[in-house]
Protein backbone atom coordinates (compact mmCIF):
# COMPACT_ATOMS: atom_id res chain seq x y z
CA MET A 1 -3.81 -1.84 22.09
CA ASN A 2 -4.08 1.90 22.52
CA PHE A 3 -2.04 4.31 24.63
CA ASN A 4 -1.78 7.86 25.93
CA ILE A 5 1.26 9.83 27.04
CA ILE A 6 0.97 12.45 29.78
CA THR A 7 3.90 14.86 30.00
CA LEU A 8 4.94 16.92 33.00
CA GLY A 9 7.76 19.44 33.06
CA CYS A 10 10.06 21.02 30.54
CA LYS A 11 10.39 21.28 26.77
CA VAL A 12 12.93 18.44 26.84
CA ASN A 13 10.28 16.19 28.37
CA GLN A 14 7.83 17.26 25.65
CA TYR A 15 10.33 16.27 23.00
CA GLU A 16 11.04 12.93 24.65
CA SER A 17 7.33 12.20 24.94
CA GLN A 18 6.91 12.79 21.22
CA ALA A 19 9.84 10.46 20.51
CA MET A 20 8.20 7.77 22.66
CA ARG A 21 4.87 8.40 20.94
CA GLU A 22 6.44 7.86 17.52
CA ALA A 23 8.20 4.70 18.75
CA MET A 24 4.89 3.30 20.06
CA LEU A 25 3.06 4.07 16.82
CA LYS A 26 5.85 2.50 14.77
CA ALA A 27 5.53 -0.65 16.91
CA GLY A 28 1.83 -0.95 16.04
CA PHE A 29 0.19 0.59 19.11
CA GLN A 30 -2.56 3.16 18.54
CA LEU A 31 -3.26 6.48 20.21
CA SER A 32 -6.35 6.37 22.38
CA GLY A 33 -9.26 8.50 21.28
CA ASN A 34 -10.15 9.05 24.95
CA ALA A 35 -7.77 11.48 26.64
CA GLY A 36 -8.71 10.16 30.07
CA LYS A 37 -8.54 6.42 29.42
CA ALA A 38 -6.29 4.04 27.52
CA ASP A 39 -5.02 0.47 27.66
CA ILE A 40 -1.56 1.90 28.39
CA THR A 41 -0.88 5.27 30.04
CA ILE A 42 2.71 6.51 29.90
CA ILE A 43 3.55 9.23 32.44
CA ASN A 44 6.71 11.20 31.66
CA SER A 45 7.53 12.72 35.05
CA CYS A 46 9.31 15.85 36.25
CA THR A 47 11.20 16.14 39.53
CA VAL A 48 12.58 19.69 39.47
CA THR A 49 10.85 20.50 42.80
CA SER A 50 9.14 18.59 45.58
CA VAL A 51 5.90 20.09 44.27
CA SER A 52 6.60 18.32 40.97
CA ASP A 53 6.88 14.99 42.78
CA ALA A 54 3.56 15.59 44.50
CA LYS A 55 1.95 16.28 41.11
CA ASN A 56 3.42 13.06 39.75
CA ARG A 57 1.99 11.02 42.61
CA ARG A 58 -1.45 12.62 42.36
CA LEU A 59 -1.52 11.96 38.63
CA ILE A 60 -0.50 8.31 39.02
CA ASN A 61 -3.16 7.77 41.68
CA ARG A 62 -5.83 9.47 39.58
CA VAL A 63 -5.02 7.41 36.49
CA ARG A 64 -5.15 4.20 38.55
CA ARG A 65 -8.44 5.23 40.19
CA GLU A 66 -10.08 6.11 36.87
CA ASN A 67 -8.65 3.15 34.97
CA PRO A 68 -8.04 0.29 37.45
CA VAL A 69 -7.23 -2.34 34.81
CA GLY A 70 -5.07 -0.16 32.58
CA ILE A 71 -1.28 -0.44 32.38
CA ILE A 72 0.62 2.50 33.88
CA VAL A 73 4.18 3.20 32.72
CA LEU A 74 6.20 5.72 34.73
CA THR A 75 9.34 7.20 33.22
CA GLY A 76 11.25 10.47 33.34
CA CYS A 77 13.19 12.25 36.04
CA MET A 78 11.37 11.25 39.26
CA PRO A 79 12.17 7.52 39.26
CA GLN A 80 15.70 8.24 38.01
CA ALA A 81 16.43 10.74 40.82
CA PHE A 82 14.78 8.70 43.59
CA PRO A 83 14.92 5.02 42.60
CA ASP A 84 14.65 3.80 46.21
CA GLU A 85 11.38 5.60 46.91
CA THR A 86 9.18 2.77 45.75
CA ASN A 87 6.09 4.44 47.26
CA ASN A 88 6.32 6.90 44.35
CA PHE A 89 5.47 4.14 41.89
CA GLU A 90 3.56 1.51 43.81
CA ASN A 91 0.54 2.00 41.48
CA CYS A 92 2.69 1.62 38.35
CA ASP A 93 3.14 -1.55 36.31
CA ILE A 94 6.33 -0.49 34.53
CA VAL A 95 8.97 1.95 35.78
CA LEU A 96 11.80 3.08 33.50
CA GLY A 97 14.50 5.56 34.48
CA ASN A 98 15.83 8.09 32.01
CA ALA A 99 18.72 5.79 31.14
CA LYS A 100 16.28 3.01 30.15
CA ARG A 101 13.65 5.00 28.29
CA ALA A 102 14.79 3.76 24.88
CA GLU A 103 13.66 0.30 26.00
CA LEU A 104 10.04 1.42 26.33
CA VAL A 105 8.49 -0.68 23.54
CA PRO A 106 10.26 -4.00 24.25
CA THR A 107 9.60 -3.59 27.99
CA ILE A 108 5.88 -3.08 27.37
CA LYS A 109 5.82 -6.20 25.17
CA GLU A 110 7.63 -8.14 27.89
CA TYR A 111 5.07 -7.01 30.47
CA LEU A 112 2.18 -8.03 28.21
CA GLU A 113 3.63 -11.54 28.00
CA ASN A 114 4.29 -12.01 31.74
CA LEU A 115 1.98 -9.50 33.45
CA GLN A 116 4.58 -8.97 36.18
CA LYS A 117 5.73 -5.58 37.41
CA ILE A 118 8.95 -4.33 35.82
CA VAL A 119 11.24 -1.73 37.41
CA ARG A 120 14.35 -0.81 35.44
CA ILE A 121 16.35 2.14 36.70
CA SER A 122 20.08 2.14 36.08
CA GLU A 123 22.54 4.81 37.16
CA HIS A 124 23.92 7.27 34.66
CA THR A 125 27.42 6.19 33.64
CA GLY A 126 29.20 9.55 33.86
CA GLN A 127 31.25 11.27 31.18
CA ASN A 128 31.30 8.21 28.91
CA GLU A 129 27.52 7.95 28.64
CA LYS A 130 26.25 8.29 25.09
CA PHE A 131 23.57 10.73 23.97
CA GLU A 132 20.19 9.01 23.77
CA ASN A 133 19.66 9.41 20.06
CA PHE A 134 15.90 9.78 19.96
CA SER A 135 14.48 11.60 16.97
CA VAL A 136 11.09 13.02 16.03
CA SER A 137 9.41 13.86 12.76
CA SER A 138 6.61 16.01 14.19
CA LEU A 139 5.42 17.61 17.42
CA GLY A 140 1.71 16.88 17.22
CA ASN A 141 -0.36 20.06 17.02
CA HIS A 142 2.53 22.39 17.87
CA THR A 143 3.39 25.06 15.31
CA ARG A 144 7.08 24.91 16.18
CA ALA A 145 9.20 21.79 16.61
CA PHE A 146 11.31 21.24 19.72
CA ILE A 147 14.55 19.43 18.94
CA LYS A 148 16.56 18.05 21.86
CA ILE A 149 20.28 18.42 21.15
CA GLU A 150 21.78 18.16 24.66
CA ASP A 151 21.15 16.19 27.84
CA GLY A 152 22.62 16.27 31.34
CA CYS A 153 24.35 18.90 33.46
CA ASN A 154 27.76 19.16 35.13
CA ARG A 155 27.04 22.29 37.17
CA PHE A 156 25.51 20.97 40.43
CA CYS A 157 23.77 24.13 41.56
CA SER A 158 23.23 23.73 45.29
CA TYR A 159 19.41 23.69 44.99
CA CYS A 160 19.07 21.40 41.97
CA ILE A 161 18.47 17.65 41.71
CA ILE A 162 18.57 17.53 37.91
CA PRO A 163 22.23 16.39 37.49
CA TYR A 164 21.26 13.27 39.43
CA ALA A 165 18.19 12.71 37.25
CA ARG A 166 19.85 13.52 33.93
CA GLY A 167 23.52 12.60 34.29
CA ARG A 168 26.48 14.44 32.78
CA VAL A 169 26.54 16.60 29.65
CA ARG A 170 26.25 14.80 26.33
CA SER A 171 25.29 16.08 22.89
CA LYS A 172 23.57 15.05 19.67
CA LYS A 173 25.98 14.76 16.73
CA ILE A 174 25.59 17.36 13.99
CA VAL A 175 24.97 14.68 11.34
CA ASP A 176 22.07 13.26 13.40
CA LEU A 177 20.70 16.74 14.05
CA LYS A 178 20.68 17.48 10.31
CA LYS A 179 18.65 14.34 9.54
CA GLU A 180 16.10 15.21 12.21
CA LEU A 181 15.80 18.81 11.03
CA GLU A 182 15.16 17.64 7.46
CA SER A 183 12.44 15.32 8.77
CA VAL A 184 10.54 18.02 10.69
CA ALA A 185 10.95 20.46 7.79
CA ALA A 186 9.43 17.88 5.45
CA ASN A 187 6.41 17.77 7.77
CA GLY A 188 5.82 21.50 7.36
CA TYR A 189 7.40 22.97 10.51
CA LYS A 190 8.77 26.44 9.82
CA GLU A 191 10.28 27.07 13.26
CA VAL A 192 12.49 24.85 15.39
CA VAL A 193 13.54 25.36 18.98
CA LEU A 194 16.80 23.73 20.03
CA VAL A 195 16.47 22.52 23.63
CA GLY A 196 18.55 20.78 26.28
CA ILE A 197 19.03 20.43 30.01
CA ASN A 198 22.10 22.70 29.92
CA LEU A 199 21.86 23.89 26.34
CA SER A 200 24.84 26.26 26.42
CA ALA A 201 27.07 23.24 27.22
CA TYR A 202 26.17 21.67 23.87
CA GLY A 203 29.29 20.23 22.28
CA LEU A 204 31.29 20.07 25.52
CA ASN A 205 34.35 17.84 24.91
CA GLU A 206 33.31 17.56 21.25
CA SER A 207 34.49 19.24 18.05
CA PHE A 208 31.31 21.35 17.70
CA ASP A 209 29.39 23.91 19.77
CA LEU A 210 26.01 25.63 20.06
CA ALA A 211 26.70 27.98 17.14
CA ASP A 212 27.33 24.94 14.91
CA ALA A 213 23.90 23.56 15.86
CA VAL A 214 22.23 26.88 15.06
CA GLU A 215 24.06 27.14 11.73
CA CYS A 216 23.02 23.58 10.90
CA ALA A 217 19.37 24.39 11.61
CA CYS A 218 19.46 27.67 9.70
CA SER A 219 20.92 25.93 6.63
CA THR A 220 18.03 23.43 6.48
CA ASP A 221 15.63 24.04 3.59
CA GLY A 222 12.09 24.73 4.80
CA ILE A 223 13.13 25.93 8.25
CA GLU A 224 12.51 29.68 8.43
CA ARG A 225 13.15 30.33 12.11
CA VAL A 226 15.58 28.90 14.64
CA ARG A 227 15.19 29.58 18.34
CA LEU A 228 17.08 28.53 21.48
CA GLY A 229 15.50 27.13 24.62
CA SER A 230 16.63 28.12 28.10
CA ILE A 231 20.39 28.68 28.34
CA GLU A 232 22.93 29.26 31.07
CA PRO A 233 24.70 32.59 30.60
CA GLU A 234 28.38 31.86 31.18
CA GLN A 235 29.15 30.28 27.79
CA MET A 236 27.62 33.19 25.85
CA ASP A 237 30.85 34.87 24.81
CA GLU A 238 31.10 37.55 22.13
CA LYS A 239 32.41 35.14 19.47
CA LEU A 240 29.38 32.88 19.89
CA ILE A 241 27.00 35.85 19.88
CA ARG A 242 28.44 37.15 16.62
CA ARG A 243 28.06 33.76 14.96
CA LEU A 244 24.41 33.67 16.02
CA ALA A 245 23.85 37.22 14.79
CA ALA A 246 25.20 36.27 11.34
CA GLN A 247 22.26 33.90 10.79
CA PRO A 248 19.20 35.71 9.34
CA LYS A 249 16.87 32.90 10.45
CA PHE A 250 18.01 33.09 14.08
CA CYS A 251 15.41 34.41 16.51
CA PRO A 252 16.77 37.08 18.88
CA GLN A 253 15.18 35.80 22.09
CA PHE A 254 17.37 34.63 24.95
CA HIS A 255 16.04 32.93 28.06
CA LEU A 256 19.12 33.52 30.22
CA SER A 257 18.64 31.85 33.58
CA LEU A 258 19.56 34.36 36.31
CA GLN A 259 18.14 32.95 39.60
CA SER A 260 19.39 35.94 41.65
CA GLY A 261 20.82 39.40 41.10
CA CYS A 262 22.80 39.23 44.35
CA ASP A 263 26.38 37.96 44.13
CA LYS A 264 26.31 36.51 47.63
CA THR A 265 23.24 34.46 46.78
CA LEU A 266 24.66 33.39 43.40
CA LYS A 267 27.73 32.05 45.17
CA ALA A 268 25.60 30.16 47.71
CA MET A 269 23.64 28.69 44.79
CA ASN A 270 26.92 27.56 43.16
CA ARG A 271 26.07 29.56 40.05
CA HIS A 272 29.13 30.12 37.87
CA TYR A 273 28.90 33.85 37.14
CA SER A 274 28.52 37.19 38.92
CA SER A 275 25.80 39.78 38.38
CA ALA A 276 28.34 42.00 36.58
CA GLU A 277 29.26 39.18 34.19
CA TYR A 278 25.59 38.51 33.53
CA ALA A 279 24.97 42.21 32.79
CA GLU A 280 27.92 42.26 30.38
CA ILE A 281 26.49 39.29 28.45
CA VAL A 282 23.12 41.04 28.16
CA ALA A 283 24.83 44.25 26.99
CA ASN A 284 26.76 42.30 24.33
CA LEU A 285 23.59 40.60 23.11
CA ARG A 286 21.72 43.89 22.80
CA ARG A 287 24.65 45.65 21.11
CA ILE A 288 25.25 42.91 18.55
CA ILE A 289 21.67 41.65 17.95
CA ILE A 290 19.21 44.53 17.58
CA ASN A 291 15.88 44.30 19.44
CA SER A 292 16.80 41.05 21.12
CA SER A 293 14.64 40.16 24.09
CA MET A 294 15.81 38.79 27.44
CA THR A 295 13.64 36.51 29.55
CA THR A 296 14.71 34.78 32.74
CA ASP A 297 13.97 32.85 35.94
CA VAL A 298 14.36 34.50 39.34
CA MET A 299 14.27 32.65 42.66
CA VAL A 300 13.40 34.44 45.89
CA GLY A 301 13.83 33.33 49.48
CA PHE A 302 16.85 31.12 48.84
CA ALA A 303 18.51 29.73 51.99
CA GLY A 304 20.40 32.55 53.69
CA GLU A 305 18.93 35.34 51.52
CA SER A 306 18.66 38.44 53.74
CA GLU A 307 16.46 41.47 53.11
CA LYS A 308 19.54 43.29 51.85
CA ASP A 309 20.34 40.42 49.46
CA PHE A 310 16.76 40.47 48.19
CA GLU A 311 16.89 44.24 47.60
CA GLN A 312 20.11 43.81 45.63
CA SER A 313 18.44 41.15 43.50
CA MET A 314 15.41 43.41 42.93
CA ASN A 315 17.62 46.33 41.89
CA PHE A 316 19.62 44.19 39.50
CA VAL A 317 16.51 42.71 37.88
CA LYS A 318 15.11 46.20 37.46
CA SER A 319 18.34 47.39 35.79
CA ILE A 320 18.27 44.68 33.11
CA GLY A 321 14.77 45.34 31.75
CA PHE A 322 13.63 41.78 31.08
CA ALA A 323 10.89 41.04 28.57
CA LYS A 324 9.46 38.37 30.89
CA ILE A 325 10.42 36.93 34.27
CA HIS A 326 9.39 33.63 35.83
CA VAL A 327 9.38 34.33 39.58
CA PHE A 328 9.27 31.47 42.07
CA PRO A 329 10.04 31.01 45.78
CA TYR A 330 12.81 28.63 46.77
CA SER A 331 11.64 25.27 48.07
CA LYS A 332 13.85 22.66 49.67
CA ARG A 333 14.83 19.80 47.40
CA ARG A 334 15.82 16.71 49.31
CA GLY A 335 19.18 15.39 48.17
CA THR A 336 20.64 18.84 47.48
CA ALA A 337 23.17 20.87 49.48
CA ALA A 338 20.84 23.86 49.89
CA ALA A 339 18.23 21.74 51.69
CA LYS A 340 20.67 21.37 54.60
CA ALA A 341 21.84 24.99 54.61
CA PRO A 342 21.26 27.15 57.71
CA HIS A 343 19.14 30.31 57.87
CA GLN A 344 16.23 29.05 55.80
CA VAL A 345 13.78 31.84 54.91
CA SER A 346 10.27 31.65 56.36
CA PRO A 347 7.34 30.81 54.07
CA GLN A 348 5.81 34.21 54.85
CA ASP A 349 8.94 36.08 53.73
CA LYS A 350 9.20 33.93 50.61
CA ASP A 351 5.62 34.76 49.66
CA ARG A 352 6.13 38.47 50.32
CA ARG A 353 9.31 38.60 48.27
CA ALA A 354 7.71 36.62 45.45
CA LYS A 355 4.85 39.15 45.38
CA LEU A 356 7.26 42.10 45.21
CA MET A 357 9.42 40.50 42.53
CA GLY A 358 6.26 39.54 40.63
CA GLU A 359 5.09 43.15 40.62
CA LEU A 360 8.48 44.20 39.26
CA ALA A 361 8.19 41.49 36.62
CA GLU A 362 4.79 42.81 35.51
CA LYS A 363 6.16 46.35 35.19
CA SER A 364 9.18 45.14 33.24
CA ARG A 365 6.90 43.16 30.92
CA ALA A 366 4.70 46.17 30.27
CA GLU A 367 7.71 48.37 29.46
CA PHE A 368 9.07 45.78 27.01
CA LEU A 369 5.75 45.40 25.18
CA SER A 370 5.29 49.16 25.00
CA PHE A 371 8.75 49.46 23.45
CA GLN A 372 7.71 47.03 20.69
CA THR A 373 4.81 49.20 19.47
CA GLY A 374 5.35 51.00 16.20
CA ARG A 375 7.62 48.27 14.90
CA THR A 376 6.91 46.07 11.89
CA GLU A 377 7.78 42.44 12.64
CA SER A 378 7.27 39.03 11.05
CA VAL A 379 4.82 36.89 13.03
CA LEU A 380 4.37 33.12 12.97
CA PHE A 381 0.65 32.67 13.55
CA GLU A 382 -0.24 29.65 15.68
CA ARG A 383 -3.99 29.67 16.33
CA LEU A 384 -7.31 31.43 15.88
CA ARG A 385 -9.06 32.10 19.18
CA HIS A 386 -11.95 34.38 20.19
CA GLY A 387 -11.83 36.23 16.86
CA TYR A 388 -8.10 36.91 17.01
CA LEU A 389 -5.13 35.37 15.25
CA GLU A 390 -2.39 34.71 17.78
CA GLY A 391 1.32 34.34 17.09
CA TYR A 392 4.84 35.42 17.99
CA THR A 393 7.47 37.72 16.54
CA LYS A 394 11.06 36.56 16.18
CA ASN A 395 11.90 38.00 19.62
CA TYR A 396 8.88 36.16 21.06
CA THR A 397 6.55 39.11 21.49
CA PRO A 398 3.01 37.67 21.55
CA VAL A 399 0.77 39.32 18.93
CA HIS A 400 -3.00 39.36 18.44
CA VAL A 401 -4.53 40.41 15.12
CA LEU A 402 -8.28 40.89 14.74
CA SER A 403 -9.27 38.33 12.09
CA ASP A 404 -11.21 35.11 11.57
CA ASP A 405 -9.03 33.83 8.71
CA VAL A 406 -7.95 30.41 9.97
CA SER A 407 -5.90 29.82 6.79
CA VAL A 408 -3.29 32.22 8.18
CA CYS A 409 -2.38 29.77 10.97
CA GLY A 410 1.05 28.25 10.37
CA LYS A 411 2.12 31.15 8.14
CA ILE A 412 4.72 33.86 8.77
CA LEU A 413 3.41 37.32 7.84
CA ASN A 414 4.48 40.91 8.43
CA VAL A 415 2.54 42.79 11.10
CA LYS A 416 2.68 46.35 12.42
CA LEU A 417 2.45 46.41 16.21
CA ILE A 418 0.05 49.21 17.15
CA LYS A 419 -0.85 48.82 20.83
CA ALA A 420 0.48 47.10 23.94
CA TYR A 421 -1.66 45.29 26.49
CA ASP A 422 -0.77 43.40 29.68
CA ASP A 423 0.72 40.36 27.98
CA TYR A 424 0.62 40.93 24.23
CA CYS A 425 0.70 43.51 21.45
CA GLU A 426 -2.15 44.17 19.06
CA GLY A 427 -1.13 44.25 15.44
CA GLU A 428 -2.31 44.92 11.90
CA LEU A 429 -1.53 42.62 8.98
CA LEU A 430 0.43 44.35 6.24
């Protein structure tokens, strides 16, 4: 039988989908040659917002409509966070929560024997839950390999459902990480990205930390670049930063989740830092790691955010000088504290604030790219498109080089950045 996997959501989901893909192939199933139709369709869902849930449902309904006799497997965060909402998976044949995902292959075989719907969603077991030790050897057509080293979150931000979908913090052991890194390096990947749900909490209650994971990756033969996924800022102390800076293979790009530049709003969000503490972390990063780039997420229109609060957030964002900002309006997430909070912001004000913050983000992006011009940087080239080679510098500046030499793809070469455009720099191969 053949199968497809459709992934929604974050880099962690992408990694987990690849792990499931490898498990299915190892069990003798084959990938479908038809992207829109397969004997088995596995949907790895996201539930970070109510919009995500709507996408999940539309996708499930579309797959069932286009392939009425196919088997649909739903897994991921949506069924785990809302196990009682059976209308979310009425068109599915198999439903597995995050805590049961490792049982994918035997559950599919069980279904094929009995042809009866299977729903297996068990609660996360708290601090004693073990890390789901999936591993991958490749990431399909990706140039870089995402390696999941942490799962779960203990923070309970007032707007976020993810701790309920992912459980508490747990971490991959260094010895297991080393084996996985050697496997992806053997398959030709030159860059790895360490990812997690709350990546900066890696090693919590263990004898290792995030710097140990980075050092492990940097010491792996064949790996030439090591990058971090999205991180929470409060664990980024100066000692950790200096350990990262000591690794020549480490990529100086930090996606430090901000959410708001207003202290009142940060407190209402149950974020565990102030704007001043965030600014100090950024200053330390830039002082210790030269030409490091800062990217972030900013939410506008959070419950109770006044015009004054929004202006404070705008001014703070402007003061940091981010390389890139993901701007999004707050939306209620059922099951979270913020959904019940008073003084909800109107949709019109959310849209207006998102537009203003988006314009600031565009200006900040342009200033960052302009600052990169004149520099000579190493670029990992990923693809050839429309007569240009496309790739990224170590600090994740996107670069286009006029060329039709497809053999360059997958290689790291030195490039002089000569001109900045809206979302990339033009470069010349040296």
